[in-house]
Amino acid sequence: VQLQASGGGLVQTGGSLRLSCAASGTSLSINTMAWYRQAPGKQRELVATISRGGRTNYADSVKGRFTISRDNAKNTVYLEMNSLKAEDTGVYYCYAGGVESGWRSFVSWGQGTQVTVSS
């Protein structure tokens, strides 16, 4: 299963960006989708998760500013990021876990997309 992320870029403090990540494979049934990020010199951290049924969870640092959503028909997860801060800078990775072809479980990561917030 491959994940293709897009939507990163350079934005000023207080600006907005929308990330997208599409999964491709055979007869996918995706349970959890998520976004993680990794700032320079820091460990990768969880940003937000969303279940197949739409239940969401956010890191405290992004609550009220970021919104995760998904389109199950398109096997795509989104991350709407508003009121961006310099500390949101990093490489953002999408994640998906589920079942392919009815029986093969998978866990996949996207290639990462750079988000840079300038002050």
C-alpha atoms as a PDB file:
ATOM      1  CA  VAL A   1       0.000   0.000   0.000  1.00  0.00           C
ATOM      2  CA  GLN A   2       1.451   3.354  -0.998  1.00  0.00           C
ATOM      3  CA  LEU A   3       0.653   6.727   0.504  1.00  0.00           C
ATOM      4  CA  GLN A   4       1.197   9.927  -1.494  1.00  0.00           C
ATOM      5  CA  ALA A   5       1.211  13.151   0.503  1.00  0.00           C
ATOM      6  CA  SER A   6       0.959  16.651  -0.874  1.00  0.00           C
ATOM      7  CA  GLY A   7       0.172  20.199   0.161  1.00  0.00           C
ATOM      8  CA  GLY A   8       3.178  21.285   2.172  1.00  0.00           C
ATOM      9  CA  GLY A   9       4.954  24.566   1.630  1.00  0.00           C
ATOM     10  CA  LEU A  10       6.116  27.853   3.090  1.00  0.00           C
ATOM     11  CA  VAL A  11       3.630  30.023   4.956  1.00  0.00           C
ATOM     12  CA  GLN A  12       3.814  32.978   7.304  1.00  0.00           C
ATOM     13  CA  THR A  13       2.876  32.821  10.962  1.00  0.00           C
ATOM     14  CA  GLY A  14      -0.883  32.835  11.296  1.00  0.00           C
ATOM     15  CA  GLY A  15      -1.408  31.386   7.831  1.00  0.00           C
ATOM     16  CA  SER A  16      -3.073  28.181   6.714  1.00  0.00           C
ATOM     17  CA  LEU A  17      -2.178  25.063   4.770  1.00  0.00           C
ATOM     18  CA  ARG A  18      -4.062  21.938   3.784  1.00  0.00           C
ATOM     19  CA  LEU A  19      -2.289  18.612   3.503  1.00  0.00           C
ATOM     20  CA  SER A  20      -3.662  15.634   1.602  1.00  0.00           C
ATOM     21  CA  CYS A  21      -2.598  12.008   1.544  1.00  0.00           C
ATOM     22  CA  ALA A  22      -4.035   9.390  -0.786  1.00  0.00           C
ATOM     23  CA  ALA A  23      -3.601   5.664  -0.280  1.00  0.00           C
ATOM     24  CA  SER A  24      -3.411   3.283  -3.209  1.00  0.00           C
ATOM     25  CA  GLY A  25      -3.598  -0.479  -3.227  1.00  0.00           C
ATOM     26  CA  THR A  26      -5.916  -3.405  -3.870  1.00  0.00           C
ATOM     27  CA  SER A  27      -9.292  -3.568  -2.137  1.00  0.00           C
ATOM     28  CA  LEU A  28      -8.257  -1.417   0.776  1.00  0.00           C
ATOM     29  CA  SER A  29     -10.084  -1.322   4.063  1.00  0.00           C
ATOM     30  CA  ILE A  30      -8.355   1.393   6.069  1.00  0.00           C
ATOM     31  CA  ASN A  31      -8.967   1.622   9.787  1.00  0.00           C
ATOM     32  CA  THR A  32      -6.834   4.360  11.310  1.00  0.00           C
ATOM     33  CA  MET A  33      -5.350   7.241   9.350  1.00  0.00           C
ATOM     34  CA  ALA A  34      -3.109   9.805  10.951  1.00  0.00           C
ATOM     35  CA  TRP A  35      -0.633  12.604  10.577  1.00  0.00           C
ATOM     36  CA  TYR A  36       2.704  12.763  12.352  1.00  0.00           C
ATOM     37  CA  ARG A  37       5.406  15.392  12.163  1.00  0.00           C
ATOM     38  CA  GLN A  38       9.094  15.632  12.825  1.00  0.00           C
ATOM     39  CA  ALA A  39      10.855  18.894  13.553  1.00  0.00           C
ATOM     40  CA  PRO A  40      14.611  19.254  13.001  1.00  0.00           C
ATOM     41  CA  GLY A  41      16.507  17.534  15.783  1.00  0.00           C
ATOM     42  CA  LYS A  42      13.354  16.125  17.367  1.00  0.00           C
ATOM     43  CA  GLN A  43      11.555  12.815  17.388  1.00  0.00           C
ATOM     44  CA  ARG A  44       8.529  12.156  15.239  1.00  0.00           C
ATOM     45  CA  GLU A  45       5.345  13.045  17.103  1.00  0.00           C
ATOM     46  CA  LEU A  46       1.672  12.330  16.613  1.00  0.00           C
ATOM     47  CA  VAL A  47      -0.370  15.271  15.342  1.00  0.00           C
ATOM     48  CA  ALA A  48      -3.838  13.788  14.813  1.00  0.00           C
ATOM     49  CA  THR A  49      -5.643  10.518  14.155  1.00  0.00           C
ATOM     50  CA  ILE A  50      -8.988   9.631  12.648  1.00  0.00           C
ATOM     51  CA  SER A  51     -10.804   6.310  12.717  1.00  0.00           C
ATOM     52  CA  ARG A  52     -12.794   4.871   9.848  1.00  0.00           C
ATOM     53  CA  GLY A  53     -15.940   6.055  11.556  1.00  0.00           C
ATOM     54  CA  GLY A  54     -14.615   9.590  11.924  1.00  0.00           C
ATOM     55  CA  ARG A  55     -13.510   9.646  15.544  1.00  0.00           C
ATOM     56  CA  THR A  56     -10.626  12.096  15.913  1.00  0.00           C
ATOM     57  CA  ASN A  57      -7.819  12.681  18.356  1.00  0.00           C
ATOM     58  CA  TYR A  58      -5.368  15.578  18.461  1.00  0.00           C
ATOM     59  CA  ALA A  59      -2.119  16.494  20.121  1.00  0.00           C
ATOM     60  CA  ASP A  60      -2.673  19.222  22.689  1.00  0.00           C
ATOM     61  CA  SER A  61      -0.381  21.542  20.763  1.00  0.00           C
ATOM     62  CA  VAL A  62      -2.688  21.600  17.713  1.00  0.00           C
ATOM     63  CA  LYS A  63      -6.150  21.382  19.277  1.00  0.00           C
ATOM     64  CA  GLY A  64      -8.413  24.127  18.021  1.00  0.00           C
ATOM     65  CA  ARG A  65      -6.093  24.938  15.109  1.00  0.00           C
ATOM     66  CA  PHE A  66      -5.822  21.727  13.081  1.00  0.00           C
ATOM     67  CA  THR A  67      -8.612  19.572  11.697  1.00  0.00           C
ATOM     68  CA  ILE A  68      -8.157  16.033  10.412  1.00  0.00           C
ATOM     69  CA  SER A  69     -10.726  14.547   8.064  1.00  0.00           C
ATOM     70  CA  ARG A  70     -10.959  11.683   5.599  1.00  0.00           C
ATOM     71  CA  ASP A  71     -12.811  10.561   2.513  1.00  0.00           C
ATOM     72  CA  ASN A  72     -13.223   6.802   2.753  1.00  0.00           C
ATOM     73  CA  ALA A  73     -14.360   6.474  -0.857  1.00  0.00           C
ATOM     74  CA  LYS A  74     -11.088   8.063  -2.001  1.00  0.00           C
ATOM     75  CA  ASN A  75      -8.878   6.487   0.696  1.00  0.00           C
ATOM     76  CA  THR A  76      -7.639   9.973   1.441  1.00  0.00           C
ATOM     77  CA  VAL A  77      -6.873  11.798   4.660  1.00  0.00           C
ATOM     78  CA  TYR A  78      -6.607  15.568   5.023  1.00  0.00           C
ATOM     79  CA  LEU A  79      -5.095  17.925   7.571  1.00  0.00           C
ATOM     80  CA  GLU A  80      -6.384  21.478   7.630  1.00  0.00           C
ATOM     81  CA  MET A  81      -3.892  23.636   9.505  1.00  0.00           C
ATOM     82  CA  ASN A  82      -4.866  27.137  10.623  1.00  0.00           C
ATOM     83  CA  SER A  83      -3.196  29.779  12.793  1.00  0.00           C
ATOM     84  CA  LEU A  84       0.161  28.225  12.031  1.00  0.00           C
ATOM     85  CA  LYS A  85       3.063  28.894  14.357  1.00  0.00           C
ATOM     86  CA  ALA A  86       6.817  28.654  13.872  1.00  0.00           C
ATOM     87  CA  GLU A  87       6.827  25.555  16.080  1.00  0.00           C
ATOM     88  CA  ASP A  88       4.586  23.781  13.562  1.00  0.00           C
ATOM     89  CA  THR A  89       7.535  23.664  11.162  1.00  0.00           C
ATOM     90  CA  GLY A  90       8.640  20.173  10.222  1.00  0.00           C
ATOM     91  CA  VAL A  91       8.165  17.259   7.892  1.00  0.00           C
ATOM     92  CA  TYR A  92       4.632  15.911   8.028  1.00  0.00           C
ATOM     93  CA  TYR A  93       4.046  12.215   7.454  1.00  0.00           C
ATOM     94  CA  CYS A  94       0.740  10.499   6.830  1.00  0.00           C
ATOM     95  CA  TYR A  95      -0.003   7.040   8.181  1.00  0.00           C
ATOM     96  CA  ALA A  96      -2.573   4.404   7.373  1.00  0.00           C
ATOM     97  CA  GLY A  97      -3.282   0.992   8.818  1.00  0.00           C
ATOM     98  CA  GLY A  98      -5.809  -1.587   7.706  1.00  0.00           C
ATOM     99  CA  VAL A  99      -6.374  -4.587   5.452  1.00  0.00           C
ATOM    100  CA  GLU A 100      -5.620  -5.093   1.756  1.00  0.00           C
ATOM    101  CA  SER A 101      -7.298  -7.620  -0.500  1.00  0.00           C
ATOM    102  CA  GLY A 102      -9.482  -8.845   2.303  1.00  0.00           C
ATOM    103  CA  TRP A 103      -6.800 -10.518   4.361  1.00  0.00           C
ATOM    104  CA  ARG A 104      -3.383  -8.842   4.315  1.00  0.00           C
ATOM    105  CA  SER A 105      -2.898  -6.374   7.132  1.00  0.00           C
ATOM    106  CA  PHE A 106      -0.732  -3.348   6.412  1.00  0.00           C
ATOM    107  CA  VAL A 107       0.824  -0.307   8.003  1.00  0.00           C
ATOM    108  CA  SER A 108       2.092   2.330   5.601  1.00  0.00           C
ATOM    109  CA  TRP A 109       3.751   5.719   5.773  1.00  0.00           C
ATOM    110  CA  GLY A 110       3.802   8.531   3.250  1.00  0.00           C
ATOM    111  CA  GLN A 111       7.013  10.053   2.010  1.00  0.00           C
ATOM    112  CA  GLY A 112       6.691  13.226   4.059  1.00  0.00           C
ATOM    113  CA  THR A 113       5.888  16.769   3.040  1.00  0.00           C
ATOM    114  CA  GLN A 114       7.723  19.825   4.350  1.00  0.00           C
ATOM    115  CA  VAL A 115       5.837  22.537   6.195  1.00  0.00           C
ATOM    116  CA  THR A 116       7.767  25.695   7.004  1.00  0.00           C
ATOM    117  CA  VAL A 117       6.220  28.517   9.016  1.00  0.00           C
ATOM    118  CA  SER A 118       8.176  31.748   8.910  1.00  0.00           C
ATOM    119  CA  SER A 119       7.886  34.360  11.608  1.00  0.00           C
END
